[in-house]
Amino acid sequence: MSDGSAASAAGTSTDAEVFANYQYEIYARGMSGERPRLALDWRELERRAEQVAPRAGWGYVAGGAGSEDTVRENRAAFGRWRIVPRMLRDVSVRDLRRTVLGTPLRAPVLLAPVGVQTLMHPEGELAVARAAASVGVPLVASTAASHTFEAIAEAAGELPLWYQLYWPRERELAASFIGRAEAAGYRALVVTLDTWMLGWRPRDLSEGFLPFLRGEGNVNFLEDPVFRGLLERPPEEDMQAAIGQWAFQFSNPSVTWADLAWLRGITELPIVLKGIQHRDDARLAVEHGADGIIVSNHGGRQVDGAIASLDALPGVVDEVGERCAVLFDSGVRGGSDAVKALALGARAVLLGRPYMWALALGGEVAVREYLRAFLADFDLALALSGHAGVDEVGPGSVVRRP
């Protein structure tokens, strides 16, 4: 099939690339016997990744809190909502673009912060940053990365980046992290609220495995000048003492809403609060100056038996209205999932575990293929349900299953 006929089949778009046309690339290659190297069904992608990933590393990435009921519930919630396709609408030209908190998005999709990505591939976040840049999907870099956020920004080039902060005990250290992120060009600050301490994670506990205690995933602490100033000797001379200081800084359960005023006073970046589930917390977030909210339960990694993020989304959106940008995280796997989240009020969705599965299977190349496949699926789900753009998706696009 020629490029022209492929475009005709899938429709055209105001973007330089029609995401849906990726399927025709695959079909065209199939004519010469070439098959996709990466599984296109997310369930098969997960299965294959588990086969190649180290056992302890896989447990850390795939595991959840307790019985992992929240992990399962995040997925079950998507099944409770059904898309209602509309017919005879012109979807030949589609516009998936959206701007969220000043960041232009080719589609309303970002990569969620995932820590210690070298557990899945030696290049970790650097491979992901290059892949995301090649496709144009912004990423949120984690404080718990295996590479410094300066190195991640360099690998990402011109790709818009957000920085996710695990708020340490020492305010001077938090300010140092934020200042470094600002200097590296990050465009928003994402503060994770639900991980002031680690949840009970049986997979990790059964292996006795916490990567940070082995000096993996805390490089942003170990190389920070303020953190190093808290040590009697540098990490190169006494790693155990440095790890002890990291553990002290990471566990910070005394933070309250009142502390957000200090945070607002040290940065002009948009502040996004990640981990909001209750509508009263959404109201408090707006009252305390948050620019954005990410409805998330940390992928089920913190509280076993917690409400599914998708079930929490409508209440949060209803509470904040237009006063705050609401994004969605936890459980997004396919394009139809993203459509459902947008219909329930999210301005954008974040992808988490699936891109880690791709990373495990093939590094940068596999992550790029996964992202192209997700965007194609999303583009097609929009078009085939009668939407010519993301701004047309709304409450009438879905119905809750009886």
Protein backbone atom coordinates (compact mmCIF):
# COMPACT_ATOMS: atom_id res chain seq x y z
CA MET A 1 0.00 0.00 0.00
CA SER A 2 1.44 3.38 -0.97
CA ASP A 3 1.81 6.24 1.47
CA GLY A 4 -0.93 8.07 -0.36
CA SER A 5 -3.41 5.22 -0.15
CA ALA A 6 -2.54 4.71 3.51
CA ALA A 7 -3.29 8.34 4.26
CA SER A 8 -6.53 8.09 2.34
CA ALA A 9 -7.54 5.02 4.35
CA ALA A 10 -6.74 6.49 7.74
CA GLY A 11 -7.62 10.10 7.05
CA THR A 12 -5.42 13.18 7.22
CA SER A 13 -4.49 15.27 10.20
CA THR A 14 -3.36 18.77 11.03
CA ASP A 15 -0.27 17.21 12.62
CA ALA A 16 2.76 16.45 10.47
CA GLU A 17 2.12 12.75 11.11
CA VAL A 18 -1.14 10.87 11.11
CA PHE A 19 -0.63 8.60 14.09
CA ALA A 20 -3.09 6.01 12.81
CA ASN A 21 -1.00 5.43 9.70
CA TYR A 22 1.49 3.43 11.74
CA GLN A 23 -0.76 0.43 11.22
CA TYR A 24 -0.29 0.71 7.45
CA GLU A 25 3.47 0.73 7.89
CA ILE A 26 3.11 -2.56 9.73
CA TYR A 27 0.83 -4.03 7.07
CA ALA A 28 3.16 -2.89 4.28
CA ARG A 29 6.15 -4.55 5.93
CA GLY A 30 4.09 -7.67 6.40
CA MET A 31 3.83 -7.96 2.61
CA SER A 32 7.55 -8.84 2.59
CA GLY A 33 7.26 -11.18 5.55
CA GLU A 34 8.34 -8.73 8.26
CA ARG A 35 6.48 -8.91 11.56
CA PRO A 36 6.52 -6.39 14.42
CA ARG A 37 9.28 -7.13 16.89
CA LEU A 38 7.25 -5.72 19.75
CA ALA A 39 3.99 -7.27 20.93
CA LEU A 40 1.12 -4.93 20.05
CA ASP A 41 -1.31 -6.45 22.56
CA TRP A 42 -0.37 -4.96 25.93
CA ARG A 43 -1.10 -8.22 27.72
CA GLU A 44 1.40 -10.05 25.53
CA LEU A 45 3.85 -7.16 25.91
CA GLU A 46 3.68 -7.55 29.68
CA ARG A 47 4.09 -11.33 29.50
CA ARG A 48 7.18 -11.14 27.27
CA ALA A 49 8.76 -8.42 29.42
CA GLU A 50 8.39 -10.53 32.54
CA GLN A 51 10.23 -13.35 30.78
CA VAL A 52 13.32 -11.24 30.10
CA ALA A 53 13.44 -8.89 33.10
CA PRO A 54 15.46 -9.75 36.24
CA ARG A 55 13.16 -11.24 38.88
CA ALA A 56 13.78 -8.62 41.55
CA GLY A 57 13.65 -5.75 39.07
CA TRP A 58 10.40 -7.04 37.62
CA GLY A 59 8.87 -7.30 41.07
CA TYR A 60 9.78 -3.69 41.78
CA VAL A 61 8.26 -2.37 38.53
CA ALA A 62 5.23 -4.66 38.25
CA GLY A 63 4.33 -5.11 41.90
CA GLY A 64 1.75 -3.33 43.99
CA ALA A 65 0.81 -2.91 47.61
CA GLY A 66 -0.51 -5.81 49.65
CA SER A 67 -2.63 -8.25 47.66
CA GLU A 68 -2.34 -5.92 44.62
CA ASP A 69 -6.11 -5.44 44.67
CA THR A 70 -5.70 -1.77 43.73
CA VAL A 71 -3.59 -2.70 40.71
CA ARG A 72 -6.36 -4.99 39.48
CA GLU A 73 -9.09 -2.49 40.30
CA ASN A 74 -7.39 0.21 38.22
CA ARG A 75 -7.87 -1.99 35.17
CA ALA A 76 -11.36 -3.18 36.14
CA ALA A 77 -12.56 0.42 36.35
CA PHE A 78 -12.00 0.93 32.63
CA GLY A 79 -14.36 -1.96 31.94
CA ARG A 80 -17.11 -0.16 33.83
CA TRP A 81 -17.18 2.59 31.20
CA ARG A 82 -18.13 2.02 27.56
CA ILE A 83 -17.51 4.30 24.59
CA VAL A 84 -20.63 5.28 22.62
CA PRO A 85 -19.56 5.68 18.96
CA ARG A 86 -21.26 8.31 16.81
CA MET A 87 -21.71 7.88 13.06
CA LEU A 88 -21.63 10.02 9.91
CA ARG A 89 -19.27 12.58 11.32
CA ASP A 90 -16.36 13.89 9.27
CA VAL A 91 -13.24 12.55 10.95
CA SER A 92 -10.99 12.73 7.88
CA VAL A 93 -9.03 15.59 9.44
CA ARG A 94 -8.15 15.07 13.08
CA ASP A 95 -6.41 17.31 15.59
CA LEU A 96 -5.05 15.59 18.67
CA ARG A 97 -3.05 18.57 19.91
CA ARG A 98 -3.61 20.14 23.29
CA THR A 99 -1.70 22.54 25.54
CA VAL A 100 -1.54 21.69 29.23
CA LEU A 101 -0.01 24.17 31.70
CA GLY A 102 1.88 25.88 28.89
CA THR A 103 3.30 22.63 27.50
CA PRO A 104 2.27 21.87 23.91
CA LEU A 105 1.30 18.23 23.37
CA ARG A 106 1.01 16.54 19.97
CA ALA A 107 -1.53 14.33 21.69
CA PRO A 108 -2.78 14.55 25.29
CA VAL A 109 -0.29 11.94 26.45
CA LEU A 110 2.78 12.11 28.71
CA LEU A 111 5.08 9.49 30.18
CA ALA A 112 4.55 9.11 33.92
CA PRO A 113 7.51 9.28 36.28
CA VAL A 114 8.92 5.81 36.87
CA GLY A 115 11.97 5.38 39.08
CA VAL A 116 15.06 3.22 38.69
CA GLN A 117 14.57 2.44 35.02
CA THR A 118 17.95 0.73 34.78
CA LEU A 119 16.23 -2.22 36.44
CA MET A 120 14.71 -2.86 33.01
CA HIS A 121 17.55 -1.74 30.71
CA PRO A 122 21.12 -0.47 31.27
CA GLU A 123 20.39 2.90 29.63
CA GLY A 124 17.17 3.38 31.61
CA GLU A 125 15.80 6.91 31.48
CA LEU A 126 18.23 7.99 28.77
CA ALA A 127 16.83 5.44 26.32
CA VAL A 128 13.28 6.46 27.24
CA ALA A 129 14.07 10.16 26.83
CA ARG A 130 15.50 9.61 23.34
CA ALA A 131 12.54 7.46 22.32
CA ALA A 132 10.02 9.96 23.69
CA ALA A 133 11.78 12.80 21.89
CA SER A 134 11.69 10.94 18.57
CA VAL A 135 7.91 10.52 18.87
CA GLY A 136 7.16 13.84 20.59
CA VAL A 137 5.63 12.53 23.83
CA PRO A 138 6.74 14.65 26.82
CA LEU A 139 7.96 12.82 29.88
CA VAL A 140 7.96 13.44 33.61
CA ALA A 141 11.38 12.65 35.04
CA SER A 142 11.49 11.13 38.52
CA THR A 143 13.66 12.21 41.44
CA ALA A 144 14.24 8.45 41.86
CA ALA A 145 15.81 8.12 38.42
CA SER A 146 18.95 6.12 37.73
CA HIS A 147 20.37 9.13 35.85
CA THR A 148 20.45 12.78 36.88
CA PHE A 149 17.65 14.93 35.57
CA GLU A 150 20.30 17.05 33.83
CA ALA A 151 21.44 13.96 31.87
CA ILE A 152 17.82 13.07 31.07
CA ALA A 153 17.19 16.59 29.77
CA GLU A 154 20.28 16.38 27.58
CA ALA A 155 19.11 13.05 26.13
CA ALA A 156 15.64 14.49 25.50
CA GLY A 157 16.92 17.43 23.48
CA GLU A 158 14.06 19.84 22.70
CA LEU A 159 11.35 17.57 24.11
CA PRO A 160 9.27 19.30 26.82
CA LEU A 161 9.97 17.80 30.24
CA TRP A 162 8.32 17.97 33.64
CA TYR A 163 10.13 17.19 36.89
CA GLN A 164 8.62 14.97 39.58
CA LEU A 165 9.70 15.82 43.12
CA TYR A 166 9.87 13.43 46.05
CA TRP A 167 9.86 16.18 48.66
CA PRO A 168 12.79 15.58 51.05
CA ARG A 169 12.87 16.59 54.72
CA GLU A 170 15.41 19.37 54.22
CA ARG A 171 13.81 22.31 52.46
CA GLU A 172 17.21 23.45 51.23
CA LEU A 173 17.60 20.10 49.47
CA ALA A 174 14.14 20.39 47.91
CA ALA A 175 15.05 23.88 46.70
CA SER A 176 18.27 22.53 45.21
CA PHE A 177 16.40 19.83 43.30
CA ILE A 178 13.92 22.34 41.94
CA GLY A 179 16.64 24.83 41.02
CA ARG A 180 18.53 22.15 39.13
CA ALA A 181 15.37 21.16 37.26
CA GLU A 182 14.67 24.78 36.35
CA ALA A 183 18.24 25.25 35.12
CA ALA A 184 17.92 22.09 32.99
CA GLY A 185 14.79 23.45 31.29
CA TYR A 186 12.00 21.48 32.94
CA ARG A 187 8.63 23.17 32.43
CA ALA A 188 6.51 22.02 35.37
CA LEU A 189 6.94 20.65 38.88
CA VAL A 190 5.03 17.47 39.76
CA VAL A 191 4.89 16.81 43.50
CA THR A 192 4.06 13.22 44.44
CA LEU A 193 1.83 13.26 47.52
CA ASP A 194 1.20 9.57 48.18
CA THR A 195 4.72 8.28 48.78
CA TRP A 196 6.05 10.04 51.87
CA MET A 197 6.95 6.49 52.91
CA LEU A 198 6.93 3.19 51.03
CA GLY A 199 3.81 1.04 51.00
CA TRP A 200 3.83 -2.64 52.01
CA ARG A 201 5.06 -4.33 48.82
CA PRO A 202 5.24 -8.12 49.20
CA ARG A 203 7.06 -8.73 45.92
CA ASP A 204 9.96 -6.51 46.97
CA LEU A 205 9.90 -7.73 50.54
CA SER A 206 9.98 -11.38 49.45
CA GLU A 207 13.18 -10.66 47.53
CA GLY A 208 14.60 -8.40 50.23
CA PHE A 209 15.09 -5.94 47.39
CA LEU A 210 15.06 -2.16 47.55
CA PRO A 211 17.33 -0.73 44.85
CA PHE A 212 18.00 2.53 46.68
CA LEU A 213 19.78 0.70 49.48
CA ARG A 214 22.21 -0.54 46.83
CA GLY A 215 22.87 2.93 45.50
CA GLU A 216 20.61 2.59 42.46
CA GLY A 217 17.87 5.16 41.85
CA ASN A 218 19.18 7.84 44.20
CA VAL A 219 21.84 9.44 42.01
CA ASN A 220 19.99 12.76 42.11
CA PHE A 221 20.57 12.79 45.86
CA LEU A 222 24.12 11.48 45.79
CA GLU A 223 25.29 14.09 43.27
CA ASP A 224 23.41 17.04 44.73
CA PRO A 225 25.66 19.64 46.41
CA VAL A 226 23.22 20.27 49.26
CA PHE A 227 22.82 16.56 49.96
CA ARG A 228 26.56 16.03 49.90
CA GLY A 229 26.90 18.90 52.34
CA LEU A 230 24.79 16.93 54.83
CA LEU A 231 27.35 14.12 54.87
CA GLU A 232 30.50 13.91 56.96
CA ARG A 233 32.23 12.14 54.08
CA PRO A 234 31.26 12.01 50.39
CA PRO A 235 29.36 8.96 49.10
CA GLU A 236 32.49 7.76 47.30
CA GLU A 237 34.12 7.28 50.69
CA ASP A 238 31.14 6.16 52.81
CA MET A 239 28.19 4.95 50.73
CA GLN A 240 26.40 3.38 53.70
CA ALA A 241 26.21 6.70 55.51
CA ALA A 242 24.98 8.36 52.32
CA ILE A 243 22.27 5.73 51.92
CA GLY A 244 21.24 6.30 55.53
CA GLN A 245 20.91 10.02 54.86
CA TRP A 246 18.90 9.25 51.72
CA ALA A 247 16.50 7.08 53.74
CA PHE A 248 16.07 9.88 56.27
CA GLN A 249 15.40 12.48 53.58
CA PHE A 250 13.04 10.32 51.53
CA SER A 251 10.68 9.49 54.39
CA ASN A 252 8.93 12.79 54.99
CA PRO A 253 5.40 12.14 56.31
CA SER A 254 5.03 15.46 58.14
CA VAL A 255 4.31 17.55 55.02
CA THR A 256 0.91 19.28 55.10
CA TRP A 257 -1.10 21.61 52.90
CA ALA A 258 0.48 24.57 54.69
CA ASP A 259 3.90 23.65 53.27
CA LEU A 260 2.74 24.34 49.72
CA ALA A 261 3.04 28.07 50.35
CA TRP A 262 6.80 27.65 50.78
CA LEU A 263 6.99 25.61 47.59
CA ARG A 264 5.03 28.24 45.66
CA GLY A 265 7.42 30.87 46.96
CA ILE A 266 10.58 29.30 45.53
CA THR A 267 9.50 28.51 41.96
CA GLU A 268 7.50 30.03 39.14
CA LEU A 269 7.00 26.65 37.49
CA PRO A 270 3.43 25.34 37.34
CA ILE A 271 2.88 23.08 40.36
CA VAL A 272 1.06 19.81 39.76
CA LEU A 273 -0.01 17.63 42.70
CA LYS A 274 0.11 13.91 41.91
CA GLY A 275 -1.88 11.43 43.98
CA ILE A 276 -5.18 13.26 44.49
CA GLN A 277 -8.18 10.89 44.83
CA HIS A 278 -10.67 12.64 47.13
CA ARG A 279 -12.67 15.61 45.92
CA ASP A 280 -12.01 17.49 49.18
CA ASP A 281 -8.28 17.15 48.52
CA ALA A 282 -8.91 18.49 45.01
CA ARG A 283 -10.60 21.53 46.54
CA LEU A 284 -7.72 22.02 48.95
CA ALA A 285 -5.23 21.73 46.11
CA VAL A 286 -6.90 24.60 44.29
CA GLU A 287 -7.18 26.67 47.47
CA HIS A 288 -3.44 26.23 48.08
CA GLY A 289 -2.44 27.37 44.61
CA ALA A 290 -1.94 24.16 42.64
CA ASP A 291 -1.99 24.67 38.90
CA GLY A 292 -2.67 21.03 38.12
CA ILE A 293 -3.77 17.73 39.65
CA ILE A 294 -2.89 14.21 38.60
CA VAL A 295 -5.57 11.78 39.71
CA SER A 296 -3.49 8.75 40.64
CA ASN A 297 -3.08 6.00 43.22
CA HIS A 298 0.54 5.41 42.23
CA GLY A 299 -0.46 2.48 40.06
CA GLY A 300 -1.68 0.59 43.12
CA ARG A 301 1.78 0.59 44.71
CA GLN A 302 0.89 2.35 47.96
CA VAL A 303 -2.53 1.47 49.40
CA ASP A 304 -4.06 -1.97 48.92
CA GLY A 305 -7.83 -1.77 48.39
CA ALA A 306 -7.79 1.91 47.36
CA ILE A 307 -10.34 3.41 44.99
CA ALA A 308 -9.52 3.01 41.31
CA SER A 309 -8.16 6.23 39.86
CA LEU A 310 -10.75 6.25 37.07
CA ASP A 311 -13.56 6.03 39.63
CA ALA A 312 -12.06 9.01 41.48
CA LEU A 313 -11.63 11.13 38.34
CA PRO A 314 -15.20 12.45 37.82
CA GLY A 315 -15.50 13.71 41.39
CA VAL A 316 -12.19 15.54 41.19
CA VAL A 317 -13.10 17.12 37.86
CA ASP A 318 -16.50 18.17 39.19
CA GLU A 319 -14.91 19.74 42.26
CA VAL A 320 -12.27 21.86 40.52
CA GLY A 321 -14.08 22.75 37.29
CA GLU A 322 -11.95 25.06 35.19
CA ARG A 323 -9.88 26.27 38.13
CA CYS A 324 -7.22 23.61 37.75
CA ALA A 325 -5.91 21.29 35.03
CA VAL A 326 -6.76 17.66 35.84
CA LEU A 327 -4.65 14.85 34.41
CA PHE A 328 -5.04 11.11 34.85
CA ASP A 329 -2.64 8.30 35.74
CA SER A 330 -2.91 4.63 36.80
CA GLY A 331 -4.01 1.80 34.54
CA VAL A 332 -3.94 3.31 31.04
CA ARG A 333 -3.03 0.56 28.59
CA GLY A 334 -4.70 1.19 25.22
CA GLY A 335 -6.06 4.03 23.15
CA SER A 336 -9.65 3.45 24.25
CA ASP A 337 -8.53 3.85 27.88
CA ALA A 338 -7.26 7.31 27.04
CA VAL A 339 -10.55 8.19 25.32
CA LYS A 340 -12.48 7.15 28.43
CA ALA A 341 -10.27 9.20 30.74
CA LEU A 342 -10.61 12.27 28.51
CA ALA A 343 -14.38 11.79 28.38
CA LEU A 344 -14.47 11.80 32.17
CA GLY A 345 -12.67 15.13 32.27
CA ALA A 346 -8.91 14.54 32.14
CA ARG A 347 -6.91 17.05 30.10
CA ALA A 348 -4.24 14.41 29.41
CA VAL A 349 -3.24 10.91 30.46
CA LEU A 350 0.07 9.52 31.66
CA LEU A 351 1.50 6.14 30.61
CA GLY A 352 3.44 4.16 33.18
CA ARG A 353 4.25 0.46 33.32
CA PRO A 354 3.74 -0.36 29.60
CA TYR A 355 6.66 1.74 28.43
CA MET A 356 8.79 0.00 31.04
CA TRP A 357 7.80 -3.35 29.55
CA ALA A 358 8.93 -2.09 26.16
CA LEU A 359 12.16 -0.79 27.68
CA ALA A 360 12.90 -4.24 29.06
CA LEU A 361 12.34 -5.84 25.66
CA GLY A 362 14.42 -3.56 23.49
CA GLY A 363 15.53 -0.27 24.99
CA GLU A 364 15.08 2.92 23.01
CA VAL A 365 13.87 1.23 19.81
CA ALA A 366 11.18 -0.76 21.59
CA VAL A 367 9.94 2.24 23.59
CA ARG A 368 9.64 4.21 20.35
CA GLU A 369 7.64 1.39 18.75
CA TYR A 370 5.38 1.14 21.79
CA LEU A 371 4.66 4.88 21.78
CA ARG A 372 3.89 4.91 18.07
CA ALA A 373 1.54 1.95 18.54
CA PHE A 374 -0.24 3.61 21.48
CA LEU A 375 -0.74 6.86 19.58
CA ALA A 376 -2.04 4.98 16.53
CA ASP A 377 -4.50 3.08 18.71
CA PHE A 378 -5.59 6.31 20.38
CA ASP A 379 -6.01 8.14 17.06
CA LEU A 380 -8.13 5.30 15.67
CA ALA A 381 -10.23 5.03 18.84
CA LEU A 382 -11.03 8.73 18.54
CA ALA A 383 -11.86 8.62 14.83
CA LEU A 384 -13.90 5.42 14.95
CA SER A 385 -15.99 6.75 17.82
CA GLY A 386 -16.82 9.86 15.80
CA HIS A 387 -14.38 12.43 17.18
CA ALA A 388 -12.29 14.63 14.91
CA GLY A 389 -10.25 15.93 17.83
CA VAL A 390 -9.66 15.57 21.53
CA ASP A 391 -11.68 18.68 22.31
CA GLU A 392 -14.81 16.90 21.04
CA VAL A 393 -14.51 14.14 23.66
CA GLY A 394 -16.78 14.70 26.65
CA PRO A 395 -19.26 13.11 29.05
CA GLY A 396 -21.57 12.14 26.19
CA SER A 397 -18.79 10.01 24.67
CA VAL A 398 -19.10 7.31 27.32
CA VAL A 399 -21.75 5.57 29.40
CA ARG A 400 -21.30 3.67 32.63
CA ARG A 401 -22.06 -0.02 32.25
CA PRO A 402 -25.07 -1.13 34.31
